[in-house]
């Protein structure tokens, strides 16, 4: 992995307000591994880890194999909102709360499908 990929990972992680521990837990590696990837100390990343990194950092997989990122899957603000929403869902405690969120998401999905016609 080239140093520029490590820099890209760090800048993206920081832009999303994520810690190394946040990304590490999503990828299933230790915080020190994230540090070593970002610093360029580890120059190769397993394919499976690249897939998980791309999801954690809201980046296309191609970002790990090409030059500077011109286009990302989502801008940082949209990704931050999704992360905040995921964290709120994780904090739900009861079945009733989960059912209410599920119903709301079903409504959003229904509107998306029917507005595309």
PDB file of N, CA and C in Angstrom:
ATOM      1  N   UNK A   1       0.848  -1.180   0.000  1.00  0.00           N
ATOM      2  CA  UNK A   1       0.000   0.000   0.000  1.00  0.00           C
ATOM      3  C   UNK A   1       0.888   1.236   0.000  1.00  0.00           C
ATOM      4  N   UNK A   2       0.649   2.135  -0.878  1.00  0.00           N
ATOM      5  CA  UNK A   2       1.443   3.349  -0.965  1.00  0.00           C
ATOM      6  C   UNK A   2       1.074   4.315   0.154  1.00  0.00           C
ATOM      7  N   UNK A   3       2.017   5.164   0.478  1.00  0.00           N
ATOM      8  CA  UNK A   3       1.786   6.147   1.547  1.00  0.00           C
ATOM      9  C   UNK A   3       0.555   7.008   1.244  1.00  0.00           C
ATOM     10  N   UNK A   4       0.337   7.349  -0.030  1.00  0.00           N
ATOM     11  CA  UNK A   4      -0.803   8.214  -0.354  1.00  0.00           C
ATOM     12  C   UNK A   4      -2.139   7.547  -0.011  1.00  0.00           C
ATOM     13  N   UNK A   5      -2.205   6.214  -0.060  1.00  0.00           N
ATOM     14  CA  UNK A   5      -3.437   5.521   0.328  1.00  0.00           C
ATOM     15  C   UNK A   5      -3.652   5.659   1.835  1.00  0.00           C
ATOM     16  N   UNK A   6      -2.573   5.529   2.603  1.00  0.00           N
ATOM     17  CA  UNK A   6      -2.665   5.696   4.053  1.00  0.00           C
ATOM     18  C   UNK A   6      -3.109   7.093   4.428  1.00  0.00           C
ATOM     19  N   UNK A   7      -2.556   8.070   3.732  1.00  0.00           N
ATOM     20  CA  UNK A   7      -2.944   9.460   3.975  1.00  0.00           C
ATOM     21  C   UNK A   7      -4.414   9.667   3.627  1.00  0.00           C
ATOM     22  N   UNK A   8      -4.839   9.083   2.498  1.00  0.00           N
ATOM     23  CA  UNK A   8      -6.238   9.196   2.081  1.00  0.00           C
ATOM     24  C   UNK A   8      -7.148   8.592   3.140  1.00  0.00           C
ATOM     25  N   UNK A   9      -6.764   7.415   3.659  1.00  0.00           N
ATOM     26  CA  UNK A   9      -7.574   6.761   4.691  1.00  0.00           C
ATOM     27  C   UNK A   9      -7.689   7.637   5.934  1.00  0.00           C
ATOM     28  N   UNK A  10      -6.573   8.181   6.374  1.00  0.00           N
ATOM     29  CA  UNK A  10      -6.574   9.008   7.588  1.00  0.00           C
ATOM     30  C   UNK A  10      -7.403  10.267   7.395  1.00  0.00           C
ATOM     31  N   UNK A  11      -7.219  10.936   6.273  1.00  0.00           N
ATOM     32  CA  UNK A  11      -7.979  12.166   6.016  1.00  0.00           C
ATOM     33  C   UNK A  11      -9.473  11.886   5.949  1.00  0.00           C
ATOM     34  N   UNK A  12      -9.838  10.794   5.311  1.00  0.00           N
ATOM     35  CA  UNK A  12     -11.260  10.452   5.194  1.00  0.00           C
ATOM     36  C   UNK A  12     -11.833  10.100   6.568  1.00  0.00           C
ATOM     37  N   UNK A  13     -11.092   9.302   7.327  1.00  0.00           N
ATOM     38  CA  UNK A  13     -11.548   8.910   8.671  1.00  0.00           C
ATOM     39  C   UNK A  13     -11.777  10.143   9.527  1.00  0.00           C
ATOM     40  N   UNK A  14     -10.810  11.064   9.491  1.00  0.00           N
ATOM     41  CA  UNK A  14     -10.931  12.285  10.292  1.00  0.00           C
ATOM     42  C   UNK A  14     -12.068  13.170   9.791  1.00  0.00           C
ATOM     43  N   UNK A  15     -12.269  13.236   8.480  1.00  0.00           N
ATOM     44  CA  UNK A  15     -13.368  14.036   7.918  1.00  0.00           C
ATOM     45  C   UNK A  15     -14.722  13.508   8.376  1.00  0.00           C
ATOM     46  N   UNK A  16     -14.806  12.202   8.588  1.00  0.00           N
ATOM     47  CA  UNK A  16     -16.055  11.586   9.049  1.00  0.00           C
ATOM     48  C   UNK A  16     -16.202  11.634  10.566  1.00  0.00           C
ATOM     49  N   UNK A  17     -15.157  12.098  11.250  1.00  0.00           N
ATOM     50  CA  UNK A  17     -15.212  12.165  12.704  1.00  0.00           C
ATOM     51  C   UNK A  17     -15.077  10.802  13.369  1.00  0.00           C
ATOM     52  N   UNK A  18     -14.444   9.867  12.677  1.00  0.00           N
ATOM     53  CA  UNK A  18     -14.263   8.525  13.217  1.00  0.00           C
ATOM     54  C   UNK A  18     -12.883   8.392  13.864  1.00  0.00           C
ATOM     55  N   UNK A  19     -12.810   7.594  14.902  1.00  0.00           N
ATOM     56  CA  UNK A  19     -11.525   7.297  15.520  1.00  0.00           C
ATOM     57  C   UNK A  19     -10.942   6.055  14.853  1.00  0.00           C
ATOM     58  N   UNK A  20      -9.669   5.808  15.114  1.00  0.00           N
ATOM     59  CA  UNK A  20      -9.056   4.573  14.611  1.00  0.00           C
ATOM     60  C   UNK A  20      -9.787   3.369  15.194  1.00  0.00           C
ATOM     61  N   UNK A  21     -10.196   3.476  16.454  1.00  0.00           N
ATOM     62  CA  UNK A  21     -10.918   2.372  17.095  1.00  0.00           C
ATOM     63  C   UNK A  21     -12.263   2.122  16.414  1.00  0.00           C
ATOM     64  N   UNK A  22     -12.947   3.189  15.987  1.00  0.00           N
ATOM     65  CA  UNK A  22     -14.222   3.037  15.274  1.00  0.00           C
ATOM     66  C   UNK A  22     -14.033   2.216  13.998  1.00  0.00           C
ATOM     67  N   UNK A  23     -13.041   2.613  13.211  1.00  0.00           N
ATOM     68  CA  UNK A  23     -12.784   1.925  11.939  1.00  0.00           C
ATOM     69  C   UNK A  23     -12.302   0.499  12.205  1.00  0.00           C
ATOM     70  N   UNK A  24     -11.426   0.351  13.178  1.00  0.00           N
ATOM     71  CA  UNK A  24     -10.898  -0.979  13.502  1.00  0.00           C
ATOM     72  C   UNK A  24     -12.020  -1.947  13.856  1.00  0.00           C
ATOM     73  N   UNK A  25     -12.999  -1.482  14.629  1.00  0.00           N
ATOM     74  CA  UNK A  25     -14.090  -2.380  15.032  1.00  0.00           C
ATOM     75  C   UNK A  25     -14.960  -2.767  13.837  1.00  0.00           C
ATOM     76  N   UNK A  26     -15.117  -1.865  12.869  1.00  0.00           N
ATOM     77  CA  UNK A  26     -15.918  -2.178  11.683  1.00  0.00           C
ATOM     78  C   UNK A  26     -15.192  -3.133  10.738  1.00  0.00           C
ATOM     79  N   UNK A  27     -13.864  -3.063  10.750  1.00  0.00           N
ATOM     80  CA  UNK A  27     -13.074  -3.904   9.852  1.00  0.00           C
ATOM     81  C   UNK A  27     -12.705  -5.235  10.519  1.00  0.00           C
ATOM     82  N   UNK A  28     -12.704  -5.236  11.851  1.00  0.00           N
ATOM     83  CA  UNK A  28     -12.351  -6.454  12.563  1.00  0.00           C
ATOM     84  C   UNK A  28     -10.854  -6.626  12.760  1.00  0.00           C
ATOM     85  N   UNK A  29     -10.160  -5.493  12.885  1.00  0.00           N
ATOM     86  CA  UNK A  29      -8.725  -5.507  13.154  1.00  0.00           C
ATOM     87  C   UNK A  29      -8.459  -4.640  14.378  1.00  0.00           C
ATOM     88  N   UNK A  30      -7.239  -4.631  14.842  1.00  0.00           N
ATOM     89  CA  UNK A  30      -6.882  -3.796  15.977  1.00  0.00           C
ATOM     90  C   UNK A  30      -6.619  -2.349  15.570  1.00  0.00           C
ATOM     91  N   UNK A  31      -6.721  -1.467  16.543  1.00  0.00           N
ATOM     92  CA  UNK A  31      -6.443  -0.046  16.310  1.00  0.00           C
ATOM     93  C   UNK A  31      -5.032   0.147  15.758  1.00  0.00           C
ATOM     94  N   UNK A  32      -4.095  -0.660  16.255  1.00  0.00           N
ATOM     95  CA  UNK A  32      -2.709  -0.533  15.798  1.00  0.00           C
ATOM     96  C   UNK A  32      -2.571  -0.867  14.309  1.00  0.00           C
ATOM     97  N   UNK A  33      -3.406  -1.756  13.820  1.00  0.00           N
ATOM     98  CA  UNK A  33      -3.371  -2.079  12.386  1.00  0.00           C
ATOM     99  C   UNK A  33      -3.808  -0.879  11.561  1.00  0.00           C
ATOM    100  N   UNK A  34      -4.845  -0.186  12.012  1.00  0.00           N
ATOM    101  CA  UNK A  34      -5.291   1.027  11.311  1.00  0.00           C
ATOM    102  C   UNK A  34      -4.155   2.051  11.302  1.00  0.00           C
ATOM    103  N   UNK A  35      -3.509   2.238  12.436  1.00  0.00           N
ATOM    104  CA  UNK A  35      -2.384   3.167  12.531  1.00  0.00           C
ATOM    105  C   UNK A  35      -1.282   2.783  11.550  1.00  0.00           C
ATOM    106  N   UNK A  36      -0.968   1.512  11.464  1.00  0.00           N
ATOM    107  CA  UNK A  36       0.100   1.055  10.579  1.00  0.00           C
ATOM    108  C   UNK A  36      -0.297   1.169   9.111  1.00  0.00           C
ATOM    109  N   UNK A  37      -1.579   0.977   8.783  1.00  0.00           N
ATOM    110  CA  UNK A  37      -2.037   1.198   7.411  1.00  0.00           C
ATOM    111  C   UNK A  37      -1.927   2.674   7.059  1.00  0.00           C
ATOM    112  N   UNK A  38      -2.412   3.522   7.968  1.00  0.00           N
ATOM    113  CA  UNK A  38      -2.405   4.962   7.692  1.00  0.00           C
ATOM    114  C   UNK A  38      -0.994   5.530   7.575  1.00  0.00           C
ATOM    115  N   UNK A  39      -0.068   5.002   8.349  1.00  0.00           N
ATOM    116  CA  UNK A  39       1.310   5.499   8.317  1.00  0.00           C
ATOM    117  C   UNK A  39       2.112   4.925   7.151  1.00  0.00           C
ATOM    118  N   UNK A  40       1.588   3.882   6.517  1.00  0.00           N
ATOM    119  CA  UNK A  40       2.301   3.247   5.421  1.00  0.00           C
ATOM    120  C   UNK A  40       3.243   2.157   5.884  1.00  0.00           C
ATOM    121  N   UNK A  41       3.256   1.888   7.188  1.00  0.00           N
ATOM    122  CA  UNK A  41       4.116   0.826   7.717  1.00  0.00           C
ATOM    123  C   UNK A  41       3.729  -0.536   7.154  1.00  0.00           C
ATOM    124  N   UNK A  42       2.433  -0.793   7.054  1.00  0.00           N
ATOM    125  CA  UNK A  42       1.946  -1.998   6.379  1.00  0.00           C
ATOM    126  C   UNK A  42       1.580  -1.571   4.964  1.00  0.00           C
ATOM    127  N   UNK A  43       2.224  -2.183   4.000  1.00  0.00           N
ATOM    128  CA  UNK A  43       2.061  -1.748   2.608  1.00  0.00           C
ATOM    129  C   UNK A  43       1.028  -2.539   1.814  1.00  0.00           C
ATOM    130  N   UNK A  44       0.446  -3.568   2.407  1.00  0.00           N
ATOM    131  CA  UNK A  44      -0.593  -4.312   1.696  1.00  0.00           C
ATOM    132  C   UNK A  44      -1.753  -4.586   2.647  1.00  0.00           C
ATOM    133  N   UNK A  45      -2.936  -4.601   2.067  1.00  0.00           N
ATOM    134  CA  UNK A  45      -4.156  -4.849   2.836  1.00  0.00           C
ATOM    135  C   UNK A  45      -4.893  -5.998   2.156  1.00  0.00           C
ATOM    136  N   UNK A  46      -5.384  -6.924   2.941  1.00  0.00           N
ATOM    137  CA  UNK A  46      -6.152  -8.040   2.389  1.00  0.00           C
ATOM    138  C   UNK A  46      -7.391  -7.509   1.673  1.00  0.00           C
ATOM    139  N   UNK A  47      -7.789  -8.209   0.621  1.00  0.00           N
ATOM    140  CA  UNK A  47      -8.971  -7.790  -0.151  1.00  0.00           C
ATOM    141  C   UNK A  47     -10.214  -7.661   0.727  1.00  0.00           C
ATOM    142  N   UNK A  48     -10.407  -8.632   1.599  1.00  0.00           N
ATOM    143  CA  UNK A  48     -11.589  -8.593   2.471  1.00  0.00           C
ATOM    144  C   UNK A  48     -11.563  -7.350   3.360  1.00  0.00           C
ATOM    145  N   UNK A  49     -10.375  -6.963   3.827  1.00  0.00           N
ATOM    146  CA  UNK A  49     -10.258  -5.763   4.660  1.00  0.00           C
ATOM    147  C   UNK A  49     -10.510  -4.495   3.852  1.00  0.00           C
ATOM    148  N   UNK A  50     -10.103  -4.496   2.582  1.00  0.00           N
ATOM    149  CA  UNK A  50     -10.357  -3.336   1.722  1.00  0.00           C
ATOM    150  C   UNK A  50     -11.857  -3.139   1.538  1.00  0.00           C
ATOM    151  N   UNK A  51     -12.584  -4.232   1.365  1.00  0.00           N
ATOM    152  CA  UNK A  51     -14.043  -4.138   1.213  1.00  0.00           C
ATOM    153  C   UNK A  51     -14.651  -3.516   2.464  1.00  0.00           C
ATOM    154  N   UNK A  52     -14.230  -3.995   3.632  1.00  0.00           N
ATOM    155  CA  UNK A  52     -14.768  -3.462   4.893  1.00  0.00           C
ATOM    156  C   UNK A  52     -14.317  -2.020   5.125  1.00  0.00           C
ATOM    157  N   UNK A  53     -13.087  -1.693   4.769  1.00  0.00           N
ATOM    158  CA  UNK A  53     -12.614  -0.304   4.887  1.00  0.00           C
ATOM    159  C   UNK A  53     -13.430   0.628   3.996  1.00  0.00           C
ATOM    160  N   UNK A  54     -13.717   0.174   2.776  1.00  0.00           N
ATOM    161  CA  UNK A  54     -14.482   1.028   1.868  1.00  0.00           C
ATOM    162  C   UNK A  54     -15.863   1.328   2.430  1.00  0.00           C
ATOM    163  N   UNK A  55     -16.471   0.347   3.096  1.00  0.00           N
ATOM    164  CA  UNK A  55     -17.781   0.570   3.714  1.00  0.00           C
ATOM    165  C   UNK A  55     -17.661   1.490   4.927  1.00  0.00           C
ATOM    166  N   UNK A  56     -16.645   1.255   5.755  1.00  0.00           N
ATOM    167  CA  UNK A  56     -16.470   2.060   6.963  1.00  0.00           C
ATOM    168  C   UNK A  56     -16.177   3.520   6.636  1.00  0.00           C
ATOM    169  N   UNK A  57     -15.445   3.739   5.540  1.00  0.00           N
ATOM    170  CA  UNK A  57     -15.034   5.101   5.178  1.00  0.00           C
ATOM    171  C   UNK A  57     -15.906   5.698   4.073  1.00  0.00           C
ATOM    172  N   UNK A  58     -16.949   4.968   3.660  1.00  0.00           N
ATOM    173  CA  UNK A  58     -17.842   5.427   2.592  1.00  0.00           C
ATOM    174  C   UNK A  58     -17.037   5.840   1.362  1.00  0.00           C
ATOM    175  N   UNK A  59     -16.192   4.930   0.913  1.00  0.00           N
ATOM    176  CA  UNK A  59     -15.373   5.156  -0.267  1.00  0.00           C
ATOM    177  C   UNK A  59     -15.598   4.025  -1.263  1.00  0.00           C
ATOM    178  N   UNK A  60     -15.431   4.311  -2.555  1.00  0.00           N
ATOM    179  CA  UNK A  60     -15.483   3.219  -3.511  1.00  0.00           C
ATOM    180  C   UNK A  60     -14.224   2.356  -3.356  1.00  0.00           C
ATOM    181  N   UNK A  61     -14.337   1.090  -3.605  1.00  0.00           N
ATOM    182  CA  UNK A  61     -13.182   0.198  -3.496  1.00  0.00           C
ATOM    183  C   UNK A  61     -12.053   0.673  -4.399  1.00  0.00           C
ATOM    184  N   UNK A  62     -12.400   1.239  -5.532  1.00  0.00           N
ATOM    185  CA  UNK A  62     -11.379   1.711  -6.473  1.00  0.00           C
ATOM    186  C   UNK A  62     -10.466   2.767  -5.858  1.00  0.00           C
ATOM    187  N   UNK A  63     -10.910   3.436  -4.807  1.00  0.00           N
ATOM    188  CA  UNK A  63     -10.078   4.455  -4.163  1.00  0.00           C
ATOM    189  C   UNK A  63      -8.801   3.862  -3.592  1.00  0.00           C
ATOM    190  N   UNK A  64      -8.825   2.570  -3.308  1.00  0.00           N
ATOM    191  CA  UNK A  64      -7.657   1.907  -2.744  1.00  0.00           C
ATOM    192  C   UNK A  64      -6.681   1.416  -3.813  1.00  0.00           C
ATOM    193  N   UNK A  65      -7.057   1.570  -5.075  1.00  0.00           N
ATOM    194  CA  UNK A  65      -6.224   1.075  -6.166  1.00  0.00           C
ATOM    195  C   UNK A  65      -5.869   2.143  -7.181  1.00  0.00           C
ATOM    196  N   UNK A  66      -6.336   3.351  -6.982  1.00  0.00           N
ATOM    197  CA  UNK A  66      -6.099   4.399  -7.968  1.00  0.00           C
ATOM    198  C   UNK A  66      -5.457   5.603  -7.311  1.00  0.00           C
ATOM    199  N   UNK A  67      -5.352   6.648  -8.074  1.00  0.00           N
ATOM    200  CA  UNK A  67      -4.743   7.871  -7.584  1.00  0.00           C
ATOM    201  C   UNK A  67      -5.682   8.624  -6.669  1.00  0.00           C
ATOM    202  N   UNK A  68      -5.557   9.944  -6.642  1.00  0.00           N
ATOM    203  CA  UNK A  68      -6.392  10.766  -5.757  1.00  0.00           C
ATOM    204  C   UNK A  68      -7.878  10.531  -6.002  1.00  0.00           C
ATOM    205  N   UNK A  69      -8.633  10.621  -4.942  1.00  0.00           N
ATOM    206  CA  UNK A  69     -10.074  10.407  -5.033  1.00  0.00           C
ATOM    207  C   UNK A  69     -10.719  11.659  -5.608  1.00  0.00           C
ATOM    208  N   UNK A  70     -11.361  11.479  -6.723  1.00  0.00           N
ATOM    209  CA  UNK A  70     -12.087  12.605  -7.312  1.00  0.00           C
ATOM    210  C   UNK A  70     -13.544  12.532  -6.922  1.00  0.00           C
ATOM    211  N   UNK A  71     -14.042  11.319  -6.816  1.00  0.00           N
ATOM    212  CA  UNK A  71     -15.441  11.117  -6.463  1.00  0.00           C
ATOM    213  C   UNK A  71     -15.523  10.059  -5.387  1.00  0.00           C
ATOM    214  N   UNK A  72     -16.277  10.325  -4.353  1.00  0.00           N
ATOM    215  CA  UNK A  72     -16.506   9.312  -3.331  1.00  0.00           C
ATOM    216  C   UNK A  72     -17.958   8.899  -3.414  1.00  0.00           C
ATOM    217  N   UNK A  73     -18.286   7.809  -2.735  1.00  0.00           N
ATOM    218  CA  UNK A  73     -19.661   7.334  -2.758  1.00  0.00           C
ATOM    219  C   UNK A  73     -20.587   8.417  -2.238  1.00  0.00           C
ATOM    220  N   UNK A  74     -20.182   9.059  -1.187  1.00  0.00           N
ATOM    221  CA  UNK A  74     -20.995  10.104  -0.574  1.00  0.00           C
ATOM    222  C   UNK A  74     -20.076  11.172  -0.028  1.00  0.00           C
ATOM    223  N   UNK A  75     -20.590  12.377   0.073  1.00  0.00           N
ATOM    224  CA  UNK A  75     -19.776  13.411   0.690  1.00  0.00           C
ATOM    225  C   UNK A  75     -19.699  13.172   2.193  1.00  0.00           C
ATOM    226  N   UNK A  76     -18.765  13.833   2.825  1.00  0.00           N
ATOM    227  CA  UNK A  76     -18.524  13.609   4.255  1.00  0.00           C
ATOM    228  C   UNK A  76     -19.748  13.910   5.105  1.00  0.00           C
ATOM    229  N   UNK A  77     -20.485  14.945   4.776  1.00  0.00           N
ATOM    230  CA  UNK A  77     -21.642  15.310   5.599  1.00  0.00           C
ATOM    231  C   UNK A  77     -22.727  14.240   5.540  1.00  0.00           C
ATOM    232  N   UNK A  78     -22.986  13.704   4.358  1.00  0.00           N
ATOM    233  CA  UNK A  78     -23.973  12.633   4.235  1.00  0.00           C
ATOM    234  C   UNK A  78     -23.516  11.409   5.005  1.00  0.00           C
ATOM    235  N   UNK A  79     -22.249  11.062   4.877  1.00  0.00           N
ATOM    236  CA  UNK A  79     -21.720   9.904   5.596  1.00  0.00           C
ATOM    237  C   UNK A  79     -21.799  10.120   7.103  1.00  0.00           C
ATOM    238  N   UNK A  80     -21.501  11.321   7.574  1.00  0.00           N
ATOM    239  CA  UNK A  80     -21.595  11.624   9.008  1.00  0.00           C
ATOM    240  C   UNK A  80     -23.023  11.449   9.510  1.00  0.00           C
ATOM    241  N   UNK A  81     -23.993  11.883   8.716  1.00  0.00           N
ATOM    242  CA  UNK A  81     -25.393  11.734   9.107  1.00  0.00           C
ATOM    243  C   UNK A  81     -25.773  10.264   9.215  1.00  0.00           C
ATOM    244  N   UNK A  82     -25.297   9.451   8.268  1.00  0.00           N
ATOM    245  CA  UNK A  82     -25.599   8.027   8.323  1.00  0.00           C
ATOM    246  C   UNK A  82     -24.977   7.371   9.547  1.00  0.00           C
ATOM    247  N   UNK A  83     -23.743   7.741   9.858  1.00  0.00           N
ATOM    248  CA  UNK A  83     -23.073   7.193  11.035  1.00  0.00           C
ATOM    249  C   UNK A  83     -23.845   7.568  12.298  1.00  0.00           C
ATOM    250  N   UNK A  84     -24.277   8.827  12.384  1.00  0.00           N
ATOM    251  CA  UNK A  84     -25.042   9.271  13.551  1.00  0.00           C
ATOM    252  C   UNK A  84     -26.356   8.493  13.661  1.00  0.00           C
ATOM    253  N   UNK A  85     -27.002   8.272  12.532  1.00  0.00           N
ATOM    254  CA  UNK A  85     -28.264   7.521  12.534  1.00  0.00           C
ATOM    255  C   UNK A  85     -28.030   6.080  12.973  1.00  0.00           C
ATOM    256  N   UNK A  86     -26.986   5.462  12.472  1.00  0.00           N
ATOM    257  CA  UNK A  86     -26.664   4.086  12.869  1.00  0.00           C
ATOM    258  C   UNK A  86     -26.429   4.019  14.373  1.00  0.00           C
ATOM    259  N   UNK A  87     -25.706   4.989  14.907  1.00  0.00           N
ATOM    260  CA  UNK A  87     -25.449   4.999  16.350  1.00  0.00           C
ATOM    261  C   UNK A  87     -26.736   5.168  17.150  1.00  0.00           C
ATOM    262  N   UNK A  88     -27.657   5.973  16.645  1.00  0.00           N
ATOM    263  CA  UNK A  88     -28.930   6.141  17.335  1.00  0.00           C
ATOM    264  C   UNK A  88     -29.730   4.836  17.325  1.00  0.00           C
ATOM    265  N   UNK A  89     -29.705   4.136  16.209  1.00  0.00           N
ATOM    266  CA  UNK A  89     -30.416   2.863  16.121  1.00  0.00           C
ATOM    267  C   UNK A  89     -29.797   1.854  17.088  1.00  0.00           C
ATOM    268  N   UNK A  90     -28.482   1.849  17.199  1.00  0.00           N
ATOM    269  CA  UNK A  90     -27.814   0.931  18.126  1.00  0.00           C
ATOM    270  C   UNK A  90     -28.238   1.182  19.572  1.00  0.00           C
ATOM    271  N   UNK A  91     -28.609   2.411  19.880  1.00  0.00           N
ATOM    272  CA  UNK A  91     -28.997   2.766  21.250  1.00  0.00           C
ATOM    273  C   UNK A  91     -30.442   2.415  21.580  1.00  0.00           C
ATOM    274  N   UNK A  92     -31.218   1.972  20.595  1.00  0.00           N
ATOM    275  CA  UNK A  92     -32.608   1.599  20.865  1.00  0.00           C
ATOM    276  C   UNK A  92     -32.636   0.417  21.821  1.00  0.00           C
ATOM    277  N   UNK A  93     -33.601   0.455  22.740  1.00  0.00           N
ATOM    278  CA  UNK A  93     -33.594  -0.591  23.761  1.00  0.00           C
ATOM    279  C   UNK A  93     -34.745  -1.587  23.645  1.00  0.00           C
ATOM    280  N   UNK A  94     -35.897  -1.138  23.217  1.00  0.00           N
ATOM    281  CA  UNK A  94     -37.050  -2.035  23.235  1.00  0.00           C
ATOM    282  C   UNK A  94     -37.528  -2.410  21.857  1.00  0.00           C
ATOM    283  N   UNK A  95     -38.273  -3.509  21.817  1.00  0.00           N
ATOM    284  CA  UNK A  95     -38.828  -3.969  20.548  1.00  0.00           C
ATOM    285  C   UNK A  95     -39.749  -2.935  19.925  1.00  0.00           C
ATOM    286  N   UNK A  96     -40.503  -2.222  20.754  1.00  0.00           N
ATOM    287  CA  UNK A  96     -41.435  -1.220  20.228  1.00  0.00           C
ATOM    288  C   UNK A  96     -40.676  -0.106  19.508  1.00  0.00           C
ATOM    289  N   UNK A  97     -39.573   0.360  20.096  1.00  0.00           N
ATOM    290  CA  UNK A  97     -38.769   1.402  19.453  1.00  0.00           C
ATOM    291  C   UNK A  97     -38.204   0.906  18.125  1.00  0.00           C
ATOM    292  N   UNK A  98     -37.719  -0.310  18.120  1.00  0.00           N
ATOM    293  CA  UNK A  98     -37.148  -0.885  16.905  1.00  0.00           C
ATOM    294  C   UNK A  98     -38.223  -1.019  15.834  1.00  0.00           C
ATOM    295  N   UNK A  99     -39.420  -1.457  16.226  1.00  0.00           N
ATOM    296  CA  UNK A  99     -40.526  -1.580  15.280  1.00  0.00           C
ATOM    297  C   UNK A  99     -40.910  -0.223  14.691  1.00  0.00           C
ATOM    298  N   UNK A 100     -40.889   0.839  15.505  1.00  0.00           N
ATOM    299  CA  UNK A 100     -41.230   2.179  15.024  1.00  0.00           C
ATOM    300  C   UNK A 100     -40.214   2.660  13.992  1.00  0.00           C
ATOM    301  N   UNK A 101     -38.934   2.430  14.262  1.00  0.00           N
ATOM    302  CA  UNK A 101     -37.892   2.835  13.312  1.00  0.00           C
ATOM    303  C   UNK A 101     -38.023   2.017  12.029  1.00  0.00           C
ATOM    304  N   UNK A 102     -38.283   0.740  12.171  1.00  0.00           N
ATOM    305  CA  UNK A 102     -38.455  -0.123  11.006  1.00  0.00           C
ATOM    306  C   UNK A 102     -39.624   0.339  10.142  1.00  0.00           C
ATOM    307  N   UNK A 103     -40.725   0.713  10.771  1.00  0.00           N
ATOM    308  CA  UNK A 103     -41.893   1.209  10.046  1.00  0.00           C
ATOM    309  C   UNK A 103     -41.560   2.507   9.309  1.00  0.00           C
ATOM    310  N   UNK A 104     -40.837   3.396   9.971  1.00  0.00           N
ATOM    311  CA  UNK A 104     -40.437   4.657   9.332  1.00  0.00           C
ATOM    312  C   UNK A 104     -39.546   4.398   8.115  1.00  0.00           C
ATOM    313  N   UNK A 105     -38.630   3.465   8.248  1.00  0.00           N
ATOM    314  CA  UNK A 105     -37.758   3.134   7.120  1.00  0.00           C
ATOM    315  C   UNK A 105     -38.538   2.483   5.984  1.00  0.00           C
ATOM    316  N   UNK A 106     -39.519   1.661   6.329  1.00  0.00           N
ATOM    317  CA  UNK A 106     -40.375   1.055   5.306  1.00  0.00           C
ATOM    318  C   UNK A 106     -41.108   2.138   4.517  1.00  0.00           C
ATOM    319  N   UNK A 107     -41.569   3.185   5.201  1.00  0.00           N
ATOM    320  CA  UNK A 107     -42.272   4.287   4.533  1.00  0.00           C
ATOM    321  C   UNK A 107     -41.333   5.021   3.582  1.00  0.00           C
ATOM    322  N   UNK A 108     -40.110   5.266   4.012  1.00  0.00           N
ATOM    323  CA  UNK A 108     -39.124   5.946   3.159  1.00  0.00           C
ATOM    324  C   UNK A 108     -38.843   5.101   1.918  1.00  0.00           C
ATOM    325  N   UNK A 109     -38.658   3.806   2.134  1.00  0.00           N
ATOM    326  CA  UNK A 109     -38.389   2.903   1.018  1.00  0.00           C
ATOM    327  C   UNK A 109     -39.573   2.854   0.044  1.00  0.00           C
ATOM    328  N   UNK A 110     -40.785   2.824   0.569  1.00  0.00           N
ATOM    329  CA  UNK A 110     -41.984   2.801  -0.261  1.00  0.00           C
ATOM    330  C   UNK A 110     -42.051   4.066  -1.129  1.00  0.00           C
ATOM    331  N   UNK A 111     -41.819   5.220  -0.496  1.00  0.00           N
ATOM    332  CA  UNK A 111     -41.857   6.478  -1.248  1.00  0.00           C
ATOM    333  C   UNK A 111     -40.782   6.509  -2.328  1.00  0.00           C
ATOM    334  N   UNK A 112     -39.596   6.002  -2.018  1.00  0.00           N
ATOM    335  CA  UNK A 112     -38.506   5.994  -2.994  1.00  0.00           C
ATOM    336  C   UNK A 112     -38.880   5.142  -4.201  1.00  0.00           C
ATOM    337  N   UNK A 113     -39.449   3.975  -3.952  1.00  0.00           N
ATOM    338  CA  UNK A 113     -39.819   3.070  -5.039  1.00  0.00           C
ATOM    339  C   UNK A 113     -40.919   3.659  -5.913  1.00  0.00           C
ATOM    340  N   UNK A 114     -41.903   4.292  -5.283  1.00  0.00           N
ATOM    341  CA  UNK A 114     -43.054   4.787  -6.031  1.00  0.00           C
ATOM    342  C   UNK A 114     -42.830   6.149  -6.658  1.00  0.00           C
ATOM    343  N   UNK A 115     -41.840   6.884  -6.226  1.00  0.00           N
ATOM    344  CA  UNK A 115     -41.537   8.174  -6.824  1.00  0.00           C
ATOM    345  C   UNK A 115     -40.608   8.040  -8.027  1.00  0.00           C
ATOM    346  N   UNK A 116     -40.048   6.854  -8.243  1.00  0.00           N
ATOM    347  CA  UNK A 116     -39.139   6.651  -9.371  1.00  0.00           C
ATOM    348  C   UNK A 116     -39.871   6.396 -10.678  1.00  0.00           C
ATOM    349  N   UNK A 117     -41.149   6.133 -10.589  1.00  0.00           N
ATOM    350  CA  UNK A 117     -41.932   5.816 -11.795  1.00  0.00           C
ATOM    351  C   UNK A 117     -42.047   6.975 -12.729  1.00  0.00           C
TER     352      UNK A 117
END
